[in-house]
Amino acid sequence: MIDRSHALSLSRQAEELGISRGSLYYQPQPVSGADLAVMWRMDELHLEYPFAGSRMLRDLLLAEGFTVGRLHVSTLMKRMGIEALYRKPNTSKPASGHQVYPYLLRKLPITRPNQVWAMDITYIPMARGFVYLAAVVDWFSRRVLAWRLSITLEAAFCIEAVEEAIARHGCPEIFNTDQGSQFTSHDFTSVLLKNEIAISMDGKGAWRDNVFVERLWRSIKYEEVYLRAYDSVAEARASNGRYLTFYNGRRPHSSLDRRTPNQAYFNPLPQLVAA
């Protein structure tokens, strides 16, 4: 993003990227242990009550003995990259200069692997910090095609995952995401357009549009993340990698007639999945 050795001044680079010049000099502060505990519990509550906004989360936390205000909950939600999931007017705008694409999957029968891929990001708590997990998922088979961990919410790690998925499996016909700034950025969408992949984006706050990836997050958190307390990013990466290998190759899915995602991806049976 910002190249401090470039001929363009830092202020001009910031202007071109649409970011504050002051952010170039900001040094992130470590998250306190108290905030990490609140964020961990907020993540669990968000899985249980995805419709809960900052006010409801605050009340749920207060009932459990946490001392936290609504504004602080709202700040932590932004840091975690979560929001209440419900249908609401599309008054939010993407980052300056970012294009939002229409949703292409409504009533579309999903009949084969590599017809539709989806991607999303989730918050992964650790013992003394947190990271973000991005995954590319094949809608037909639920198979995780590629994934990356990152300590920031910038688009680069999402792009790396998409490029790996394409290199390993070819191109899908449609690629679906939400309207997050990582996915509406020019750097991200250009990878899809260059490969002639149709871009689909969920309606703002429409949880059902990317429901298969949401189910993946629930599985990995209850069956892996919440059972551990990773001491480092390297440990989180290795442990999540082992789980996703298990998820693809050994974990049967009721929606796949008790087959694994690998079996459904490499040996598809005739079936329809309504988007």
Protein backbone atom coordinates (compact mmCIF):
# COMPACT_ATOMS: atom_id res chain seq x y z
CA MET A 1 0.00 0.00 0.00
CA ILE A 2 2.26 2.83 1.25
CA ASP A 3 5.80 2.80 -0.19
CA ARG A 4 8.08 5.04 1.87
CA SER A 5 10.81 4.80 -0.75
CA HIS A 6 8.56 5.94 -3.64
CA ALA A 7 9.12 9.23 -5.42
CA LEU A 8 5.60 10.36 -4.47
CA SER A 9 5.39 12.04 -1.09
CA LEU A 10 3.66 10.19 1.73
CA SER A 11 0.88 12.78 1.82
CA ARG A 12 0.22 12.32 -1.91
CA GLN A 13 0.21 8.52 -1.57
CA ALA A 14 -2.28 8.80 1.31
CA GLU A 15 -4.46 11.12 -0.79
CA GLU A 16 -4.43 8.68 -3.73
CA LEU A 17 -5.38 5.78 -1.44
CA GLY A 18 -8.11 7.75 0.28
CA ILE A 19 -6.67 7.35 3.79
CA SER A 20 -5.76 9.84 6.50
CA ARG A 21 -2.16 11.10 6.43
CA GLY A 22 -2.12 10.88 10.21
CA SER A 23 -2.70 7.12 9.99
CA LEU A 24 0.75 6.74 8.41
CA TYR A 25 2.36 7.66 11.71
CA TYR A 26 -0.03 5.87 14.04
CA GLN A 27 1.53 3.11 16.13
CA PRO A 28 -1.08 0.50 17.16
CA GLN A 29 -1.47 0.02 20.90
CA PRO A 30 -1.52 -3.49 22.38
CA VAL A 31 -4.92 -4.74 23.48
CA SER A 32 -5.34 -5.08 27.23
CA GLY A 33 -6.03 -8.42 28.84
CA ALA A 34 -9.44 -7.17 29.96
CA ASP A 35 -10.39 -6.22 26.40
CA LEU A 36 -9.16 -9.56 25.07
CA ALA A 37 -11.43 -11.36 27.54
CA VAL A 38 -14.39 -9.23 26.47
CA MET A 39 -13.60 -9.80 22.78
CA TRP A 40 -13.38 -13.56 23.25
CA ARG A 41 -16.80 -13.62 24.93
CA MET A 42 -18.26 -11.24 22.32
CA ASP A 43 -17.13 -13.62 19.60
CA GLU A 44 -18.94 -16.51 21.29
CA LEU A 45 -22.08 -14.41 21.77
CA HIS A 46 -21.97 -13.26 18.15
CA LEU A 47 -22.07 -16.88 16.99
CA GLU A 48 -25.03 -17.59 19.28
CA TYR A 49 -26.91 -14.34 18.59
CA PRO A 50 -25.74 -12.98 15.21
CA PHE A 51 -28.56 -10.41 15.28
CA ALA A 52 -27.21 -8.78 18.46
CA GLY A 53 -25.92 -5.25 18.04
CA SER A 54 -23.76 -3.25 20.42
CA ARG A 55 -26.59 -2.52 22.85
CA MET A 56 -27.70 -6.13 23.16
CA LEU A 57 -24.13 -7.38 23.43
CA ARG A 58 -23.47 -4.82 26.15
CA ASP A 59 -26.51 -6.02 28.11
CA LEU A 60 -25.54 -9.68 27.68
CA LEU A 61 -22.00 -8.91 28.88
CA LEU A 62 -23.25 -6.87 31.86
CA ALA A 63 -25.48 -9.78 32.87
CA GLU A 64 -22.38 -11.99 32.96
CA GLY A 65 -20.43 -9.60 35.16
CA PHE A 66 -18.38 -7.71 32.57
CA THR A 67 -18.05 -3.96 33.06
CA VAL A 68 -18.34 -2.41 29.62
CA GLY A 69 -20.28 0.37 27.90
CA ARG A 70 -22.06 0.35 24.55
CA LEU A 71 -19.55 2.63 22.82
CA HIS A 72 -16.67 0.42 23.90
CA VAL A 73 -18.54 -2.67 22.67
CA SER A 74 -19.08 -0.90 19.36
CA THR A 75 -15.36 -0.09 19.14
CA LEU A 76 -14.43 -3.71 19.83
CA MET A 77 -16.94 -4.96 17.24
CA LYS A 78 -15.24 -2.82 14.60
CA ARG A 79 -11.84 -4.10 15.68
CA MET A 80 -13.09 -7.69 15.42
CA GLY A 81 -14.76 -7.08 12.07
CA ILE A 82 -18.24 -8.14 13.18
CA GLU A 83 -21.64 -6.49 12.97
CA ALA A 84 -25.22 -7.40 13.76
CA LEU A 85 -26.66 -9.47 10.92
CA TYR A 86 -30.13 -8.43 9.83
CA ARG A 87 -31.78 -6.90 6.79
CA LYS A 88 -31.49 -3.14 6.92
CA PRO A 89 -31.48 -0.24 4.45
CA ASN A 90 -28.30 -0.15 2.38
CA THR A 91 -27.15 3.19 3.73
CA SER A 92 -23.54 2.09 4.26
CA LYS A 93 -21.05 3.00 1.57
CA PRO A 94 -17.87 1.14 0.69
CA ALA A 95 -14.49 2.80 0.98
CA SER A 96 -13.99 5.75 -1.33
CA GLY A 97 -13.63 4.64 -4.94
CA HIS A 98 -14.69 1.04 -4.27
CA GLN A 99 -17.41 -0.48 -6.45
CA VAL A 100 -20.15 -2.72 -5.04
CA TYR A 101 -21.34 -5.50 -7.34
CA PRO A 102 -24.89 -6.97 -7.46
CA TYR A 103 -25.87 -10.24 -5.78
CA LEU A 104 -26.00 -12.97 -8.45
CA LEU A 105 -27.04 -16.05 -6.48
CA ARG A 106 -30.71 -15.47 -5.69
CA LYS A 107 -32.66 -18.62 -6.70
CA LEU A 108 -29.62 -19.90 -8.60
CA PRO A 109 -29.32 -23.74 -8.43
CA ILE A 110 -25.82 -24.72 -7.36
CA THR A 111 -25.23 -28.02 -9.18
CA ARG A 112 -21.47 -28.62 -9.45
CA PRO A 113 -18.08 -27.85 -7.93
CA ASN A 114 -16.36 -24.62 -9.02
CA GLN A 115 -19.67 -23.06 -10.05
CA VAL A 116 -19.68 -20.66 -7.08
CA TRP A 117 -16.97 -19.86 -4.57
CA ALA A 118 -17.44 -17.70 -1.50
CA MET A 119 -15.06 -15.91 0.82
CA ASP A 120 -15.29 -14.35 4.26
CA ILE A 121 -13.15 -13.28 7.22
CA THR A 122 -13.57 -14.14 10.88
CA TYR A 123 -11.90 -13.18 14.18
CA ILE A 124 -9.74 -15.85 15.86
CA PRO A 125 -8.88 -15.27 19.56
CA MET A 126 -5.53 -16.34 21.00
CA ALA A 127 -4.19 -16.47 24.54
CA ARG A 128 -2.68 -12.99 24.32
CA GLY A 129 -4.01 -11.45 21.14
CA PHE A 130 -6.00 -12.30 18.05
CA VAL A 131 -5.70 -12.87 14.32
CA TYR A 132 -8.10 -12.94 11.37
CA LEU A 133 -8.88 -16.02 9.27
CA ALA A 134 -9.95 -15.71 5.63
CA ALA A 135 -11.18 -18.74 3.69
CA VAL A 136 -12.26 -19.50 0.12
CA VAL A 137 -15.08 -22.07 0.11
CA ASP A 138 -16.69 -23.99 -2.74
CA TRP A 139 -20.47 -23.64 -2.28
CA PHE A 140 -21.43 -26.99 -3.79
CA SER A 141 -19.10 -29.15 -1.72
CA ARG A 142 -18.37 -26.85 1.29
CA ARG A 143 -14.69 -27.60 0.65
CA VAL A 144 -12.16 -25.02 1.92
CA LEU A 145 -10.04 -24.36 -1.17
CA ALA A 146 -7.53 -21.96 0.40
CA TRP A 147 -7.11 -19.95 3.59
CA ARG A 148 -4.84 -17.41 5.26
CA LEU A 149 -4.26 -15.95 8.72
CA SER A 150 -3.38 -12.28 9.22
CA ILE A 151 -2.79 -9.89 12.10
CA THR A 152 -4.56 -7.09 10.17
CA LEU A 153 -7.76 -6.70 8.15
CA GLU A 154 -6.05 -5.45 5.00
CA ALA A 155 -6.88 -7.02 1.63
CA ALA A 156 -3.46 -8.59 0.96
CA PHE A 157 -4.06 -11.88 2.79
CA CYS A 158 -7.44 -12.30 1.08
CA ILE A 159 -5.81 -11.81 -2.31
CA GLU A 160 -3.16 -14.41 -1.48
CA ALA A 161 -5.86 -16.97 -0.60
CA VAL A 162 -7.81 -16.31 -3.80
CA GLU A 163 -4.69 -16.57 -5.96
CA GLU A 164 -3.78 -19.88 -4.31
CA ALA A 165 -7.29 -21.27 -4.84
CA ILE A 166 -7.23 -20.32 -8.52
CA ALA A 167 -3.73 -21.75 -9.01
CA ARG A 168 -4.75 -25.05 -7.41
CA HIS A 169 -8.31 -25.48 -8.67
CA GLY A 170 -8.88 -23.23 -11.67
CA CYS A 171 -11.52 -20.50 -11.79
CA PRO A 172 -15.12 -20.56 -10.58
CA GLU A 173 -17.92 -19.04 -12.61
CA ILE A 174 -19.05 -16.76 -9.74
CA PHE A 175 -17.21 -15.47 -6.65
CA ASN A 176 -19.39 -14.25 -3.75
CA THR A 177 -18.36 -12.05 -0.81
CA ASP A 178 -19.87 -9.46 1.49
CA GLN A 179 -19.33 -5.73 0.97
CA GLY A 180 -16.30 -5.45 3.22
CA SER A 181 -13.64 -2.99 2.13
CA GLN A 182 -11.18 -5.85 1.59
CA PHE A 183 -13.48 -7.38 -1.04
CA THR A 184 -14.56 -4.16 -2.76
CA SER A 185 -10.97 -2.92 -3.12
CA HIS A 186 -9.56 -2.58 -6.62
CA ASP A 187 -6.64 -4.88 -5.82
CA PHE A 188 -9.03 -7.69 -4.82
CA THR A 189 -11.65 -7.34 -7.56
CA SER A 190 -9.00 -6.96 -10.25
CA VAL A 191 -7.80 -10.51 -9.53
CA LEU A 192 -11.31 -11.82 -10.21
CA LEU A 193 -11.92 -9.65 -13.27
CA LYS A 194 -8.54 -10.58 -14.75
CA ASN A 195 -9.60 -14.23 -14.56
CA GLU A 196 -13.07 -13.46 -16.04
CA ILE A 197 -14.88 -14.46 -12.85
CA ALA A 198 -18.31 -12.91 -12.24
CA ILE A 199 -18.36 -10.97 -8.95
CA SER A 200 -21.32 -11.28 -6.58
CA MET A 201 -21.74 -9.37 -3.31
CA ASP A 202 -24.21 -9.91 -0.50
CA GLY A 203 -26.82 -7.37 0.40
CA LYS A 204 -25.64 -5.27 3.38
CA GLY A 205 -26.32 -7.20 6.58
CA ALA A 206 -27.89 -10.19 4.78
CA TRP A 207 -26.45 -13.10 6.80
CA ARG A 208 -28.20 -15.75 4.69
CA ASP A 209 -26.34 -14.74 1.53
CA ASN A 210 -23.06 -16.25 2.77
CA VAL A 211 -24.56 -18.83 5.12
CA PHE A 212 -22.27 -21.70 4.10
CA VAL A 213 -19.17 -19.78 5.17
CA GLU A 214 -20.93 -18.80 8.42
CA ARG A 215 -21.48 -22.51 9.10
CA LEU A 216 -17.76 -23.11 8.55
CA TRP A 217 -16.94 -20.43 11.14
CA ARG A 218 -19.26 -22.05 13.66
CA SER A 219 -17.64 -25.45 13.10
CA ILE A 220 -14.04 -24.29 13.35
CA LYS A 221 -14.68 -22.17 16.44
CA TYR A 222 -16.60 -24.75 18.46
CA GLU A 223 -14.55 -27.74 17.33
CA GLU A 224 -11.09 -26.09 17.31
CA VAL A 225 -10.59 -22.46 18.35
CA TYR A 226 -12.56 -22.36 21.60
CA LEU A 227 -10.88 -25.58 22.78
CA ARG A 228 -7.44 -24.00 22.61
CA ALA A 229 -5.50 -20.90 23.63
CA TYR A 230 -2.89 -20.31 20.95
CA ASP A 231 0.34 -18.80 22.27
CA SER A 232 1.51 -17.51 18.89
CA VAL A 233 0.40 -16.83 15.34
CA ALA A 234 2.52 -19.79 14.20
CA GLU A 235 0.69 -22.09 16.60
CA ALA A 236 -2.69 -20.73 15.49
CA ARG A 237 -1.74 -21.27 11.84
CA ALA A 238 -0.57 -24.85 12.40
CA SER A 239 -3.56 -25.82 14.53
CA ASN A 240 -6.11 -24.25 12.18
CA GLY A 241 -4.37 -25.99 9.27
CA ARG A 242 -4.74 -29.37 10.95
CA TYR A 243 -8.41 -28.73 11.63
CA LEU A 244 -9.17 -27.63 8.06
CA THR A 245 -7.44 -30.75 6.73
CA PHE A 246 -9.74 -32.78 9.00
CA TYR A 247 -12.75 -30.66 7.95
CA ASN A 248 -12.13 -31.26 4.25
CA GLY A 249 -11.07 -34.89 4.38
CA ARG A 250 -12.68 -36.62 7.36
CA ARG A 251 -15.58 -34.60 8.79
CA PRO A 252 -18.91 -35.81 7.31
CA HIS A 253 -21.66 -33.29 6.59
CA SER A 254 -25.36 -34.06 6.90
CA SER A 255 -26.09 -31.65 4.04
CA LEU A 256 -23.75 -33.71 1.84
CA ASP A 257 -25.41 -37.06 2.62
CA ARG A 258 -22.75 -37.74 5.26
CA ARG A 259 -19.94 -37.30 2.75
CA THR A 260 -16.90 -35.16 3.35
CA PRO A 261 -16.25 -31.94 1.42
CA ASN A 262 -13.39 -33.67 -0.43
CA GLN A 263 -15.71 -36.45 -1.56
CA ALA A 264 -18.37 -33.97 -2.68
CA TYR A 265 -15.81 -31.83 -4.51
CA PHE A 266 -13.87 -34.54 -6.32
CA ASN A 267 -16.75 -37.05 -6.79
CA PRO A 268 -19.93 -34.97 -7.03
CA LEU A 269 -23.32 -36.70 -7.06
CA PRO A 270 -26.33 -35.13 -8.81
CA GLN A 271 -27.89 -32.76 -6.31
CA LEU A 272 -29.06 -29.17 -6.08
CA VAL A 273 -28.23 -26.55 -3.50
CA ALA A 274 -30.57 -23.55 -3.65
CA ALA A 275 -28.75 -20.28 -3.13
